[in-house]
Amino acid sequence: MGAQGCLAMIDGETYSLPAVPVSVVDSVGAGDGFVAGYLAERLAGVAPADRLRTAVTVGAFACTVSGDWEGMPRRDELGLLTTAEPVTR
């Protein structure tokens, strides 16, 4: 759902998550990033709500740069968009 987040039905249960707010540079690759984040977490055995949280975060990262894969985060970078502190150490 883009800037509105995501809505999913998984195993009969409905999940809704808001988008991670970012300044959008280019939305190309956001959907691919969303799917990649979701599938990576599914393969890792993560619960549905956490899969979707990763998916919206990876999709948001994709929007922060030009191009379709250049903004893809590493797993250790996933928290960078949701940190409350303006500087990450």
N, C-alpha and C. Protein backbone atom coordinates (compact mmCIF):
# COMPACT_ATOMS: atom_id res chain seq x y z
N MET A 1 0.82 -1.20 0.00
CA MET A 1 0.00 0.00 0.00
C MET A 1 0.86 1.26 0.00
N GLY A 2 2.15 1.10 -0.29
CA GLY A 2 3.03 2.25 -0.41
C GLY A 2 3.15 3.05 0.88
N ALA A 3 2.91 4.34 0.77
CA ALA A 3 3.06 5.23 1.91
C ALA A 3 2.04 4.95 3.01
N GLN A 4 1.05 4.13 2.72
CA GLN A 4 0.04 3.79 3.73
C GLN A 4 0.41 2.52 4.50
N GLY A 5 1.52 1.90 4.17
CA GLY A 5 1.96 0.72 4.91
C GLY A 5 1.56 -0.56 4.22
N CYS A 6 1.16 -1.57 4.99
CA CYS A 6 0.78 -2.83 4.39
C CYS A 6 -0.39 -3.46 5.13
N LEU A 7 -1.11 -4.29 4.40
CA LEU A 7 -2.22 -5.06 4.92
C LEU A 7 -2.06 -6.46 4.37
N ALA A 8 -2.09 -7.45 5.24
CA ALA A 8 -1.88 -8.83 4.80
C ALA A 8 -2.77 -9.78 5.57
N MET A 9 -3.17 -10.84 4.90
CA MET A 9 -3.87 -11.92 5.58
C MET A 9 -2.96 -13.14 5.49
N ILE A 10 -2.53 -13.62 6.65
CA ILE A 10 -1.60 -14.74 6.73
C ILE A 10 -2.22 -15.79 7.65
N ASP A 11 -2.40 -16.97 7.11
CA ASP A 11 -3.00 -18.07 7.88
C ASP A 11 -4.31 -17.66 8.54
N GLY A 12 -5.13 -16.90 7.81
CA GLY A 12 -6.44 -16.50 8.31
C GLY A 12 -6.45 -15.32 9.26
N GLU A 13 -5.30 -14.77 9.55
CA GLU A 13 -5.21 -13.62 10.46
C GLU A 13 -4.82 -12.37 9.67
N THR A 14 -5.47 -11.25 9.98
CA THR A 14 -5.20 -10.00 9.28
C THR A 14 -4.17 -9.18 10.05
N TYR A 15 -3.21 -8.65 9.30
CA TYR A 15 -2.15 -7.81 9.87
C TYR A 15 -2.14 -6.48 9.13
N SER A 16 -1.95 -5.41 9.85
CA SER A 16 -1.85 -4.08 9.26
C SER A 16 -0.70 -3.34 9.93
N LEU A 17 0.22 -2.83 9.12
CA LEU A 17 1.35 -2.06 9.66
C LEU A 17 1.47 -0.75 8.91
N PRO A 18 1.80 0.32 9.61
CA PRO A 18 2.02 1.59 8.92
C PRO A 18 3.36 1.57 8.19
N ALA A 19 3.49 2.45 7.22
CA ALA A 19 4.77 2.59 6.52
C ALA A 19 5.79 3.24 7.45
N VAL A 20 7.05 2.99 7.17
CA VAL A 20 8.14 3.68 7.88
C VAL A 20 8.31 5.02 7.17
N PRO A 21 8.14 6.14 7.86
CA PRO A 21 8.23 7.44 7.19
C PRO A 21 9.67 7.76 6.76
N VAL A 22 9.81 8.08 5.49
CA VAL A 22 11.10 8.49 4.93
C VAL A 22 10.87 9.59 3.91
N SER A 23 11.92 10.33 3.59
CA SER A 23 11.87 11.28 2.48
C SER A 23 12.14 10.48 1.22
N VAL A 24 11.14 10.38 0.36
CA VAL A 24 11.25 9.53 -0.82
C VAL A 24 12.07 10.23 -1.90
N VAL A 25 13.13 9.54 -2.35
CA VAL A 25 13.95 9.99 -3.46
C VAL A 25 13.47 9.31 -4.74
N ASP A 26 13.20 8.00 -4.64
CA ASP A 26 12.80 7.19 -5.79
C ASP A 26 12.12 5.94 -5.26
N SER A 27 10.91 5.67 -5.69
CA SER A 27 10.19 4.51 -5.17
C SER A 27 10.46 3.23 -5.96
N VAL A 28 11.28 3.31 -7.01
CA VAL A 28 11.61 2.11 -7.78
C VAL A 28 12.36 1.13 -6.87
N GLY A 29 11.90 -0.08 -6.82
CA GLY A 29 12.53 -1.10 -5.99
C GLY A 29 11.89 -1.28 -4.63
N ALA A 30 10.95 -0.40 -4.26
CA ALA A 30 10.32 -0.51 -2.94
C ALA A 30 9.52 -1.81 -2.80
N GLY A 31 8.78 -2.16 -3.82
CA GLY A 31 8.01 -3.41 -3.78
C GLY A 31 8.89 -4.63 -3.75
N ASP A 32 9.94 -4.60 -4.56
CA ASP A 32 10.90 -5.72 -4.56
C ASP A 32 11.57 -5.84 -3.20
N GLY A 33 11.93 -4.70 -2.60
CA GLY A 33 12.54 -4.72 -1.28
C GLY A 33 11.59 -5.26 -0.23
N PHE A 34 10.31 -4.87 -0.32
CA PHE A 34 9.30 -5.37 0.59
C PHE A 34 9.25 -6.89 0.53
N VAL A 35 9.14 -7.42 -0.67
CA VAL A 35 9.05 -8.88 -0.85
C VAL A 35 10.33 -9.57 -0.37
N ALA A 36 11.48 -8.99 -0.68
CA ALA A 36 12.75 -9.59 -0.25
C ALA A 36 12.83 -9.64 1.28
N GLY A 37 12.44 -8.55 1.94
CA GLY A 37 12.45 -8.53 3.40
C GLY A 37 11.51 -9.55 3.99
N TYR A 38 10.31 -9.65 3.41
CA TYR A 38 9.33 -10.61 3.90
C TYR A 38 9.84 -12.04 3.73
N LEU A 39 10.32 -12.37 2.54
CA LEU A 39 10.77 -13.73 2.27
C LEU A 39 11.99 -14.12 3.10
N ALA A 40 12.90 -13.18 3.30
CA ALA A 40 14.08 -13.48 4.12
C ALA A 40 13.66 -13.86 5.54
N GLU A 41 12.69 -13.13 6.08
CA GLU A 41 12.22 -13.42 7.42
C GLU A 41 11.40 -14.70 7.48
N ARG A 42 10.65 -14.97 6.43
CA ARG A 42 9.89 -16.22 6.40
C ARG A 42 10.83 -17.42 6.39
N LEU A 43 11.87 -17.33 5.58
CA LEU A 43 12.86 -18.41 5.53
C LEU A 43 13.58 -18.58 6.87
N ALA A 44 13.70 -17.50 7.61
CA ALA A 44 14.35 -17.54 8.93
C ALA A 44 13.41 -18.01 10.03
N GLY A 45 12.13 -18.24 9.69
CA GLY A 45 11.17 -18.74 10.68
C GLY A 45 10.60 -17.68 11.59
N VAL A 46 10.63 -16.43 11.15
CA VAL A 46 10.16 -15.31 11.96
C VAL A 46 8.62 -15.23 11.91
N ALA A 47 8.01 -14.76 12.96
CA ALA A 47 6.55 -14.62 13.05
C ALA A 47 6.03 -13.63 12.01
N PRO A 48 4.77 -13.79 11.56
CA PRO A 48 4.22 -12.94 10.51
C PRO A 48 4.32 -11.44 10.76
N ALA A 49 3.98 -10.97 11.95
CA ALA A 49 4.04 -9.52 12.21
C ALA A 49 5.46 -9.00 12.07
N ASP A 50 6.44 -9.77 12.51
CA ASP A 50 7.84 -9.35 12.38
C ASP A 50 8.32 -9.43 10.94
N ARG A 51 7.82 -10.40 10.18
CA ARG A 51 8.14 -10.47 8.75
C ARG A 51 7.70 -9.19 8.06
N LEU A 52 6.47 -8.77 8.36
CA LEU A 52 5.93 -7.58 7.73
C LEU A 52 6.66 -6.32 8.19
N ARG A 53 7.07 -6.29 9.45
CA ARG A 53 7.83 -5.13 9.95
C ARG A 53 9.15 -4.99 9.18
N THR A 54 9.82 -6.11 8.96
CA THR A 54 11.05 -6.08 8.16
C THR A 54 10.74 -5.67 6.73
N ALA A 55 9.66 -6.20 6.18
CA ALA A 55 9.29 -5.90 4.79
C ALA A 55 9.06 -4.41 4.59
N VAL A 56 8.27 -3.76 5.46
CA VAL A 56 8.02 -2.33 5.28
C VAL A 56 9.30 -1.52 5.49
N THR A 57 10.18 -1.99 6.35
CA THR A 57 11.45 -1.29 6.58
C THR A 57 12.36 -1.38 5.37
N VAL A 58 12.48 -2.56 4.78
CA VAL A 58 13.32 -2.72 3.59
C VAL A 58 12.74 -1.91 2.43
N GLY A 59 11.41 -1.94 2.28
CA GLY A 59 10.78 -1.12 1.25
C GLY A 59 11.06 0.36 1.44
N ALA A 60 11.05 0.81 2.69
CA ALA A 60 11.35 2.22 2.97
C ALA A 60 12.80 2.56 2.63
N PHE A 61 13.72 1.66 2.97
CA PHE A 61 15.13 1.89 2.62
C PHE A 61 15.27 2.10 1.11
N ALA A 62 14.57 1.29 0.33
CA ALA A 62 14.67 1.37 -1.13
C ALA A 62 14.26 2.75 -1.64
N CYS A 63 13.37 3.42 -0.93
CA CYS A 63 12.88 4.74 -1.36
C CYS A 63 13.84 5.88 -1.06
N THR A 64 14.87 5.62 -0.29
CA THR A 64 15.75 6.71 0.16
C THR A 64 16.87 7.04 -0.82
N VAL A 65 17.01 6.25 -1.88
CA VAL A 65 18.07 6.49 -2.87
C VAL A 65 17.52 6.29 -4.28
N SER A 66 18.24 6.79 -5.26
CA SER A 66 17.88 6.54 -6.66
C SER A 66 18.29 5.12 -7.04
N GLY A 67 17.49 4.48 -7.84
CA GLY A 67 17.81 3.14 -8.31
C GLY A 67 16.95 2.10 -7.63
N ASP A 68 17.12 0.86 -8.06
CA ASP A 68 16.23 -0.18 -7.56
C ASP A 68 16.84 -1.08 -6.49
N TRP A 69 18.14 -1.15 -6.36
CA TRP A 69 18.74 -2.02 -5.34
C TRP A 69 19.77 -1.30 -4.47
N GLU A 70 20.15 -0.12 -4.84
CA GLU A 70 21.23 0.59 -4.17
C GLU A 70 20.95 0.89 -2.69
N GLY A 71 19.68 0.97 -2.30
CA GLY A 71 19.35 1.29 -0.92
C GLY A 71 19.05 0.08 -0.05
N MET A 72 19.24 -1.12 -0.58
CA MET A 72 18.91 -2.31 0.20
C MET A 72 19.82 -2.42 1.42
N PRO A 73 19.22 -2.55 2.60
CA PRO A 73 20.01 -2.60 3.84
C PRO A 73 20.55 -3.99 4.15
N ARG A 74 21.59 -4.01 4.95
CA ARG A 74 22.03 -5.27 5.56
C ARG A 74 21.18 -5.48 6.81
N ARG A 75 21.12 -6.67 7.30
CA ARG A 75 20.28 -6.97 8.47
C ARG A 75 20.62 -6.06 9.65
N ASP A 76 21.90 -5.77 9.86
CA ASP A 76 22.29 -4.94 11.00
C ASP A 76 21.92 -3.47 10.82
N GLU A 77 21.44 -3.09 9.64
CA GLU A 77 21.04 -1.71 9.39
C GLU A 77 19.53 -1.47 9.51
N LEU A 78 18.76 -2.52 9.70
CA LEU A 78 17.31 -2.39 9.70
C LEU A 78 16.78 -1.41 10.73
N GLY A 79 17.42 -1.28 11.86
CA GLY A 79 16.96 -0.37 12.90
C GLY A 79 17.28 1.09 12.65
N LEU A 80 18.06 1.39 11.64
CA LEU A 80 18.48 2.77 11.42
C LEU A 80 17.34 3.72 11.08
N LEU A 81 16.31 3.24 10.39
CA LEU A 81 15.21 4.13 10.02
C LEU A 81 14.23 4.37 11.15
N THR A 82 14.26 3.53 12.15
CA THR A 82 13.28 3.65 13.22
C THR A 82 13.89 4.11 14.54
N THR A 83 15.15 4.45 14.53
CA THR A 83 15.79 4.92 15.76
C THR A 83 15.26 6.31 16.13
N ALA A 84 15.08 6.57 17.40
CA ALA A 84 14.60 7.86 17.86
C ALA A 84 15.73 8.87 17.97
N GLU A 85 16.96 8.39 18.05
CA GLU A 85 18.11 9.28 18.17
C GLU A 85 18.56 9.73 16.77
N PRO A 86 18.78 11.03 16.57
CA PRO A 86 19.14 11.52 15.23
C PRO A 86 20.52 11.07 14.76
N VAL A 87 21.38 10.64 15.68
CA VAL A 87 22.72 10.18 15.31
C VAL A 87 22.86 8.75 15.79
N THR A 88 23.31 7.88 14.87
CA THR A 88 23.54 6.49 15.25
C THR A 88 25.01 6.28 15.47
N ARG A 89 25.36 5.71 16.61
CA ARG A 89 26.76 5.47 16.95
C ARG A 89 27.11 4.03 16.77
